[in-house]
PDB file of N, CA and C in Angstrom:
ATOM      1  N   UNK A   1      -9.835  -9.790   3.646  1.00  0.00           N
ATOM      2  CA  UNK A   1     -10.396  -8.168   3.192  1.00  0.00           C
ATOM      3  C   UNK A   1     -11.866  -8.727   3.624  1.00  0.00           C
ATOM      4  N   UNK A   2     -13.030  -7.475   4.324  1.00  0.00           N
ATOM      5  CA  UNK A   2     -14.390  -7.846   4.091  1.00  0.00           C
ATOM      6  C   UNK A   2     -14.938  -6.993   2.963  1.00  0.00           C
ATOM      7  N   UNK A   3     -15.876  -7.533   2.297  1.00  0.00           N
ATOM      8  CA  UNK A   3     -16.375  -8.262   0.783  1.00  0.00           C
ATOM      9  C   UNK A   3     -16.637  -6.208   0.504  1.00  0.00           C
ATOM     10  N   UNK A   4     -17.224  -5.627   1.379  1.00  0.00           N
ATOM     11  CA  UNK A   4     -17.503  -4.055   1.286  1.00  0.00           C
ATOM     12  C   UNK A   4     -16.110  -2.818   1.486  1.00  0.00           C
ATOM     13  N   UNK A   5     -15.637  -3.834   1.121  1.00  0.00           N
ATOM     14  CA  UNK A   5     -13.764  -2.822   0.908  1.00  0.00           C
ATOM     15  C   UNK A   5     -14.052  -2.813  -0.288  1.00  0.00           C
ATOM     16  N   UNK A   6     -14.047  -1.460  -0.719  1.00  0.00           N
ATOM     17  CA  UNK A   6     -13.303  -1.277  -1.726  1.00  0.00           C
ATOM     18  C   UNK A   6     -12.529  -0.713  -2.820  1.00  0.00           C
ATOM     19  N   UNK A   7     -11.365  -0.724  -1.490  1.00  0.00           N
ATOM     20  CA  UNK A   7     -10.180  -0.250  -2.066  1.00  0.00           C
ATOM     21  C   UNK A   7      -9.365  -1.221  -3.265  1.00  0.00           C
ATOM     22  N   UNK A   8      -8.462  -0.780  -3.685  1.00  0.00           N
ATOM     23  CA  UNK A   8      -8.285  -1.153  -5.106  1.00  0.00           C
ATOM     24  C   UNK A   8      -6.763  -2.191  -4.540  1.00  0.00           C
ATOM     25  N   UNK A   9      -7.109  -3.933  -4.761  1.00  0.00           N
ATOM     26  CA  UNK A   9      -6.014  -4.454  -4.036  1.00  0.00           C
ATOM     27  C   UNK A   9      -5.419  -5.041  -5.288  1.00  0.00           C
ATOM     28  N   UNK A  10      -3.767  -4.936  -4.562  1.00  0.00           N
ATOM     29  CA  UNK A  10      -2.194  -4.789  -5.103  1.00  0.00           C
ATOM     30  C   UNK A  10      -1.580  -6.310  -4.770  1.00  0.00           C
ATOM     31  N   UNK A  11      -1.294  -6.720  -5.485  1.00  0.00           N
ATOM     32  CA  UNK A  11      -1.163  -8.057  -4.959  1.00  0.00           C
ATOM     33  C   UNK A  11       0.605  -8.078  -5.236  1.00  0.00           C
ATOM     34  N   UNK A  12       1.476  -7.998  -4.579  1.00  0.00           N
ATOM     35  CA  UNK A  12       2.948  -7.559  -4.664  1.00  0.00           C
ATOM     36  C   UNK A  12       3.832  -9.202  -4.104  1.00  0.00           C
ATOM     37  N   UNK A  13       3.027 -10.063  -3.618  1.00  0.00           N
ATOM     38  CA  UNK A  13       3.787 -10.874  -2.923  1.00  0.00           C
ATOM     39  C   UNK A  13       4.562 -11.859  -4.186  1.00  0.00           C
ATOM     40  N   UNK A  14       6.117 -12.193  -3.396  1.00  0.00           N
ATOM     41  CA  UNK A  14       6.877 -12.307  -3.824  1.00  0.00           C
ATOM     42  C   UNK A  14       7.383 -12.304  -4.769  1.00  0.00           C
ATOM     43  N   UNK A  15       7.311 -10.820  -4.861  1.00  0.00           N
ATOM     44  CA  UNK A  15       8.706  -9.412  -5.310  1.00  0.00           C
ATOM     45  C   UNK A  15       9.141  -9.030  -3.894  1.00  0.00           C
ATOM     46  N   UNK A  16      10.266  -8.552  -4.723  1.00  0.00           N
ATOM     47  CA  UNK A  16      11.324  -8.082  -3.485  1.00  0.00           C
ATOM     48  C   UNK A  16      11.057  -6.553  -3.971  1.00  0.00           C
ATOM     49  N   UNK A  17      11.246  -5.256  -2.431  1.00  0.00           N
ATOM     50  CA  UNK A  17      11.190  -4.446  -2.689  1.00  0.00           C
ATOM     51  C   UNK A  17      12.505  -3.907  -3.876  1.00  0.00           C
ATOM     52  N   UNK A  18      12.340  -2.546  -4.636  1.00  0.00           N
ATOM     53  CA  UNK A  18      11.104  -2.231  -4.039  1.00  0.00           C
ATOM     54  C   UNK A  18       9.879  -1.791  -4.835  1.00  0.00           C
ATOM     55  N   UNK A  19       9.484  -3.250  -5.790  1.00  0.00           N
ATOM     56  CA  UNK A  19       8.273  -3.960  -6.693  1.00  0.00           C
ATOM     57  C   UNK A  19       7.380  -3.443  -5.613  1.00  0.00           C
ATOM     58  N   UNK A  20       6.886  -3.659  -4.446  1.00  0.00           N
ATOM     59  CA  UNK A  20       5.792  -3.775  -3.610  1.00  0.00           C
ATOM     60  C   UNK A  20       5.756  -2.108  -4.074  1.00  0.00           C
ATOM     61  N   UNK A  21       6.479  -1.255  -4.283  1.00  0.00           N
ATOM     62  CA  UNK A  21       6.057  -0.036  -3.843  1.00  0.00           C
ATOM     63  C   UNK A  21       5.780   0.550  -5.145  1.00  0.00           C
ATOM     64  N   UNK A  22       6.642   0.589  -6.338  1.00  0.00           N
ATOM     65  CA  UNK A  22       6.644   0.867  -7.637  1.00  0.00           C
ATOM     66  C   UNK A  22       5.191   0.244  -7.788  1.00  0.00           C
ATOM     67  N   UNK A  23       4.712  -0.973  -7.175  1.00  0.00           N
ATOM     68  CA  UNK A  23       3.066  -1.232  -7.575  1.00  0.00           C
ATOM     69  C   UNK A  23       2.197  -0.405  -7.175  1.00  0.00           C
ATOM     70  N   UNK A  24       2.555  -0.352  -5.760  1.00  0.00           N
ATOM     71  CA  UNK A  24       1.709   1.058  -5.333  1.00  0.00           C
ATOM     72  C   UNK A  24       1.451   2.950  -5.906  1.00  0.00           C
ATOM     73  N   UNK A  25       2.432   2.543  -6.619  1.00  0.00           N
ATOM     74  CA  UNK A  25       2.734   3.938  -6.978  1.00  0.00           C
ATOM     75  C   UNK A  25       2.179   3.935  -8.398  1.00  0.00           C
ATOM     76  N   UNK A  26       1.747   3.136  -8.870  1.00  0.00           N
ATOM     77  CA  UNK A  26       1.168   2.671 -10.068  1.00  0.00           C
ATOM     78  C   UNK A  26      -0.557   2.643  -9.794  1.00  0.00           C
ATOM     79  N   UNK A  27      -0.392   1.778  -8.960  1.00  0.00           N
ATOM     80  CA  UNK A  27      -2.254   2.039  -8.888  1.00  0.00           C
ATOM     81  C   UNK A  27      -2.437   3.274  -8.165  1.00  0.00           C
ATOM     82  N   UNK A  28      -2.078   3.892  -7.447  1.00  0.00           N
ATOM     83  CA  UNK A  28      -2.039   5.122  -6.614  1.00  0.00           C
ATOM     84  C   UNK A  28      -2.467   6.301  -7.932  1.00  0.00           C
ATOM     85  N   UNK A  29      -1.626   6.413  -8.810  1.00  0.00           N
ATOM     86  CA  UNK A  29      -1.931   7.768 -10.088  1.00  0.00           C
ATOM     87  C   UNK A  29      -3.062   7.998 -10.009  1.00  0.00           C
ATOM     88  N   UNK A  30      -3.598   7.039 -10.969  1.00  0.00           N
ATOM     89  CA  UNK A  30      -5.004   7.445 -11.408  1.00  0.00           C
ATOM     90  C   UNK A  30      -6.015   7.669 -10.488  1.00  0.00           C
ATOM     91  N   UNK A  31      -5.858   7.433  -9.323  1.00  0.00           N
ATOM     92  CA  UNK A  31      -7.223   7.439  -8.263  1.00  0.00           C
ATOM     93  C   UNK A  31      -7.629   8.827  -8.008  1.00  0.00           C
ATOM     94  N   UNK A  32      -8.378   8.955  -7.341  1.00  0.00           N
ATOM     95  CA  UNK A  32      -8.628   9.908  -6.631  1.00  0.00           C
ATOM     96  C   UNK A  32      -8.202  10.468  -4.842  1.00  0.00           C
ATOM     97  N   UNK A  33      -8.411  11.460  -4.557  1.00  0.00           N
ATOM     98  CA  UNK A  33      -8.178  11.954  -3.243  1.00  0.00           C
ATOM     99  C   UNK A  33      -9.354  11.309  -2.551  1.00  0.00           C
ATOM    100  N   UNK A  34      -9.113  10.591  -1.724  1.00  0.00           N
ATOM    101  CA  UNK A  34      -9.943   9.315  -0.671  1.00  0.00           C
ATOM    102  C   UNK A  34      -9.172   8.161  -0.983  1.00  0.00           C
ATOM    103  N   UNK A  35      -9.308   7.637  -2.759  1.00  0.00           N
ATOM    104  CA  UNK A  35      -9.189   6.714  -2.983  1.00  0.00           C
ATOM    105  C   UNK A  35      -8.532   5.947  -2.121  1.00  0.00           C
ATOM    106  N   UNK A  36      -8.333   4.481  -1.929  1.00  0.00           N
ATOM    107  CA  UNK A  36      -7.940   3.191  -1.303  1.00  0.00           C
ATOM    108  C   UNK A  36      -7.520   2.430  -1.746  1.00  0.00           C
ATOM    109  N   UNK A  37      -6.355   1.501  -1.210  1.00  0.00           N
ATOM    110  CA  UNK A  37      -5.314   0.554  -1.961  1.00  0.00           C
ATOM    111  C   UNK A  37      -4.449  -0.032  -0.818  1.00  0.00           C
ATOM    112  N   UNK A  38      -4.808  -1.391  -1.290  1.00  0.00           N
ATOM    113  CA  UNK A  38      -4.424  -2.619  -0.102  1.00  0.00           C
ATOM    114  C   UNK A  38      -3.539  -3.012  -0.968  1.00  0.00           C
ATOM    115  N   UNK A  39      -2.366  -3.251  -0.111  1.00  0.00           N
ATOM    116  CA  UNK A  39      -1.274  -3.541  -0.735  1.00  0.00           C
ATOM    117  C   UNK A  39      -1.044  -5.360   0.140  1.00  0.00           C
ATOM    118  N   UNK A  40      -0.828  -6.168  -0.475  1.00  0.00           N
ATOM    119  CA  UNK A  40      -0.185  -6.991  -0.437  1.00  0.00           C
ATOM    120  C   UNK A  40       0.943  -7.418  -0.306  1.00  0.00           C
ATOM    121  N   UNK A  41       1.903  -7.764  -0.059  1.00  0.00           N
ATOM    122  CA  UNK A  41       3.489  -7.984   0.280  1.00  0.00           C
ATOM    123  C   UNK A  41       4.073  -9.052   0.910  1.00  0.00           C
ATOM    124  N   UNK A  42       5.359  -9.749   0.779  1.00  0.00           N
ATOM    125  CA  UNK A  42       5.707 -10.611   1.969  1.00  0.00           C
ATOM    126  C   UNK A  42       7.369 -10.166   2.146  1.00  0.00           C
ATOM    127  N   UNK A  43       7.905  -8.713   1.676  1.00  0.00           N
ATOM    128  CA  UNK A  43       9.406  -8.866   1.768  1.00  0.00           C
ATOM    129  C   UNK A  43       9.329  -7.979   3.092  1.00  0.00           C
ATOM    130  N   UNK A  44       9.936  -8.759   4.203  1.00  0.00           N
ATOM    131  CA  UNK A  44       9.657  -7.622   5.040  1.00  0.00           C
ATOM    132  C   UNK A  44      10.932  -6.411   4.903  1.00  0.00           C
ATOM    133  N   UNK A  45      11.092  -5.938   3.391  1.00  0.00           N
ATOM    134  CA  UNK A  45      11.805  -5.016   3.952  1.00  0.00           C
ATOM    135  C   UNK A  45      10.386  -3.347   3.596  1.00  0.00           C
ATOM    136  N   UNK A  46       9.377  -3.772   3.031  1.00  0.00           N
ATOM    137  CA  UNK A  46       8.141  -3.528   3.088  1.00  0.00           C
ATOM    138  C   UNK A  46       7.753  -2.693   4.090  1.00  0.00           C
ATOM    139  N   UNK A  47       8.161  -3.581   4.964  1.00  0.00           N
ATOM    140  CA  UNK A  47       7.542  -2.406   6.705  1.00  0.00           C
ATOM    141  C   UNK A  47       8.142  -1.029   6.458  1.00  0.00           C
ATOM    142  N   UNK A  48       8.858  -1.154   5.991  1.00  0.00           N
ATOM    143  CA  UNK A  48      10.148  -0.164   6.043  1.00  0.00           C
ATOM    144  C   UNK A  48       9.562   0.853   4.442  1.00  0.00           C
ATOM    145  N   UNK A  49       9.425   0.947   3.873  1.00  0.00           N
ATOM    146  CA  UNK A  49       9.780   1.281   2.324  1.00  0.00           C
ATOM    147  C   UNK A  49       8.287   1.585   2.293  1.00  0.00           C
ATOM    148  N   UNK A  50       6.947   1.228   2.186  1.00  0.00           N
ATOM    149  CA  UNK A  50       5.464   1.601   2.089  1.00  0.00           C
ATOM    150  C   UNK A  50       5.356   2.402   2.600  1.00  0.00           C
ATOM    151  N   UNK A  51       5.324   2.669   4.324  1.00  0.00           N
ATOM    152  CA  UNK A  51       5.726   4.031   5.119  1.00  0.00           C
ATOM    153  C   UNK A  51       6.157   5.173   5.085  1.00  0.00           C
ATOM    154  N   UNK A  52       7.410   5.246   4.122  1.00  0.00           N
ATOM    155  CA  UNK A  52       7.749   6.081   3.668  1.00  0.00           C
ATOM    156  C   UNK A  52       7.745   6.578   2.613  1.00  0.00           C
ATOM    157  N   UNK A  53       7.159   5.690   1.192  1.00  0.00           N
ATOM    158  CA  UNK A  53       6.467   6.438   0.378  1.00  0.00           C
ATOM    159  C   UNK A  53       5.530   6.580   0.353  1.00  0.00           C
ATOM    160  N   UNK A  54       4.636   6.456   1.474  1.00  0.00           N
ATOM    161  CA  UNK A  54       2.984   6.659   1.467  1.00  0.00           C
ATOM    162  C   UNK A  54       3.264   7.801   2.298  1.00  0.00           C
ATOM    163  N   UNK A  55       3.893   8.348   3.222  1.00  0.00           N
ATOM    164  CA  UNK A  55       4.145   9.962   3.259  1.00  0.00           C
ATOM    165  C   UNK A  55       5.224  10.693   2.147  1.00  0.00           C
ATOM    166  N   UNK A  56       5.850  10.278   1.660  1.00  0.00           N
ATOM    167  CA  UNK A  56       6.124  11.481   0.699  1.00  0.00           C
ATOM    168  C   UNK A  56       5.242  11.263  -0.481  1.00  0.00           C
ATOM    169  N   UNK A  57       4.228  10.818  -0.756  1.00  0.00           N
ATOM    170  CA  UNK A  57       3.414  10.459  -2.084  1.00  0.00           C
ATOM    171  C   UNK A  57       2.200  11.337  -1.604  1.00  0.00           C
ATOM    172  N   UNK A  58       2.132  11.604  -0.500  1.00  0.00           N
ATOM    173  CA  UNK A  58       0.145  12.401  -0.334  1.00  0.00           C
ATOM    174  C   UNK A  58      -0.385  11.860   0.194  1.00  0.00           C
ATOM    175  N   UNK A  59       0.196  10.909   0.641  1.00  0.00           N
ATOM    176  CA  UNK A  59      -1.100   8.978   1.290  1.00  0.00           C
ATOM    177  C   UNK A  59      -0.652   8.909   2.530  1.00  0.00           C
ATOM    178  N   UNK A  60      -1.636   8.004   3.031  1.00  0.00           N
ATOM    179  CA  UNK A  60      -1.920   7.788   4.785  1.00  0.00           C
ATOM    180  C   UNK A  60      -1.565   6.525   4.881  1.00  0.00           C
ATOM    181  N   UNK A  61      -0.919   5.718   5.805  1.00  0.00           N
ATOM    182  CA  UNK A  61      -1.223   4.532   6.172  1.00  0.00           C
ATOM    183  C   UNK A  61      -2.580   4.166   7.153  1.00  0.00           C
ATOM    184  N   UNK A  62      -3.197   3.587   6.684  1.00  0.00           N
ATOM    185  CA  UNK A  62      -4.857   3.376   7.180  1.00  0.00           C
ATOM    186  C   UNK A  62      -4.099   2.035   8.345  1.00  0.00           C
ATOM    187  N   UNK A  63      -3.877   1.502   7.652  1.00  0.00           N
ATOM    188  CA  UNK A  63      -3.621  -0.207   8.371  1.00  0.00           C
ATOM    189  C   UNK A  63      -2.763  -0.776   7.570  1.00  0.00           C
ATOM    190  N   UNK A  64      -1.830  -1.368   8.721  1.00  0.00           N
ATOM    191  CA  UNK A  64      -0.239  -1.455   8.461  1.00  0.00           C
ATOM    192  C   UNK A  64      -0.457  -3.024   9.098  1.00  0.00           C
ATOM    193  N   UNK A  65       0.754  -3.753   8.692  1.00  0.00           N
ATOM    194  CA  UNK A  65       0.956  -5.187   8.783  1.00  0.00           C
ATOM    195  C   UNK A  65       0.652  -5.595  10.548  1.00  0.00           C
ATOM    196  N   UNK A  66      -0.091  -6.652  11.020  1.00  0.00           N
ATOM    197  CA  UNK A  66       0.469  -7.254  12.269  1.00  0.00           C
ATOM    198  C   UNK A  66       1.340  -7.465  12.898  1.00  0.00           C
ATOM    199  N   UNK A  67       1.817  -6.740  13.507  1.00  0.00           N
ATOM    200  CA  UNK A  67       3.538  -7.615  13.963  1.00  0.00           C
ATOM    201  C   UNK A  67       3.608  -9.417  13.982  1.00  0.00           C
ATOM    202  N   UNK A  68       5.111  -9.535  13.729  1.00  0.00           N
ATOM    203  CA  UNK A  68       4.950 -10.436  13.158  1.00  0.00           C
ATOM    204  C   UNK A  68       4.787 -11.656  12.243  1.00  0.00           C
ATOM    205  N   UNK A  69       3.454 -10.969  11.290  1.00  0.00           N
ATOM    206  CA  UNK A  69       3.103 -11.607  10.237  1.00  0.00           C
ATOM    207  C   UNK A  69       4.067 -11.586   9.486  1.00  0.00           C
ATOM    208  N   UNK A  70       3.596 -12.760   8.931  1.00  0.00           N
ATOM    209  CA  UNK A  70       4.872 -13.041   7.411  1.00  0.00           C
ATOM    210  C   UNK A  70       4.113 -12.337   5.879  1.00  0.00           C
ATOM    211  N   UNK A  71       2.662 -12.087   6.368  1.00  0.00           N
ATOM    212  CA  UNK A  71       2.215 -11.890   4.927  1.00  0.00           C
ATOM    213  C   UNK A  71       1.875 -10.364   5.257  1.00  0.00           C
ATOM    214  N   UNK A  72       1.986  -9.491   4.443  1.00  0.00           N
ATOM    215  CA  UNK A  72       1.940  -7.896   5.007  1.00  0.00           C
ATOM    216  C   UNK A  72       1.008  -7.535   4.621  1.00  0.00           C
ATOM    217  N   UNK A  73      -0.263  -6.756   5.431  1.00  0.00           N
ATOM    218  CA  UNK A  73      -1.083  -5.913   4.918  1.00  0.00           C
ATOM    219  C   UNK A  73      -1.285  -4.534   5.040  1.00  0.00           C
ATOM    220  N   UNK A  74      -1.476  -4.145   4.331  1.00  0.00           N
ATOM    221  CA  UNK A  74      -1.272  -2.393   3.991  1.00  0.00           C
ATOM    222  C   UNK A  74      -2.444  -1.554   3.490  1.00  0.00           C
ATOM    223  N   UNK A  75      -3.306  -1.130   3.923  1.00  0.00           N
ATOM    224  CA  UNK A  75      -4.397   0.000   3.237  1.00  0.00           C
ATOM    225  C   UNK A  75      -3.477   1.417   3.174  1.00  0.00           C
ATOM    226  N   UNK A  76      -3.486   1.943   2.444  1.00  0.00           N
ATOM    227  CA  UNK A  76      -3.297   3.319   2.421  1.00  0.00           C
ATOM    228  C   UNK A  76      -4.397   3.188   1.430  1.00  0.00           C
ATOM    229  N   UNK A  77      -4.760   5.342   2.146  1.00  0.00           N
ATOM    230  CA  UNK A  77      -5.127   5.973   1.644  1.00  0.00           C
ATOM    231  C   UNK A  77      -4.797   7.510   0.721  1.00  0.00           C
ATOM    232  N   UNK A  78      -5.203   7.725  -0.605  1.00  0.00           N
ATOM    233  CA  UNK A  78      -4.365   8.971  -1.074  1.00  0.00           C
ATOM    234  C   UNK A  78      -5.581  10.377  -0.554  1.00  0.00           C
ATOM    235  N   UNK A  79      -3.975  11.005   0.426  1.00  0.00           N
ATOM    236  CA  UNK A  79      -5.264  12.217   0.925  1.00  0.00           C
ATOM    237  C   UNK A  79      -4.794  13.441   0.056  1.00  0.00           C
ATOM    238  N   UNK A  80      -3.981  13.938  -1.090  1.00  0.00           N
ATOM    239  CA  UNK A  80      -3.826  14.287  -1.907  1.00  0.00           C
ATOM    240  C   UNK A  80      -3.736  14.010  -3.355  1.00  0.00           C
ATOM    241  N   UNK A  81      -3.572  14.925  -4.341  1.00  0.00           N
ATOM    242  CA  UNK A  81      -3.477  14.681  -5.616  1.00  0.00           C
ATOM    243  C   UNK A  81      -1.606  14.431  -6.389  1.00  0.00           C
ATOM    244  N   UNK A  82      -1.086  14.109  -4.814  1.00  0.00           N
ATOM    245  CA  UNK A  82       0.192  14.425  -5.442  1.00  0.00           C
ATOM    246  C   UNK A  82       1.012  13.074  -5.907  1.00  0.00           C
ATOM    247  N   UNK A  83       0.224  11.711  -5.401  1.00  0.00           N
ATOM    248  CA  UNK A  83       0.652  10.362  -5.805  1.00  0.00           C
ATOM    249  C   UNK A  83       0.522   9.575  -6.483  1.00  0.00           C
TER     250      UNK A  83
END
């Protein structure tokens, strides 16, 4: 993660879904529109769960995990006040 990155970091490695998504939701709730959260996860189900949650919560996935990566890194941006 570059040092100029001002995203809130949520480390959910070592937890199974839905915990990464729940932690992402908790981190997003107090943030304003345009805020970003970087989520670290290692449960393969997060590849599916996080993008679905983001769409339903009024957020967008700016960066997703690399193909075949064991550690999953997502950059999520809040685009509505819904999340």
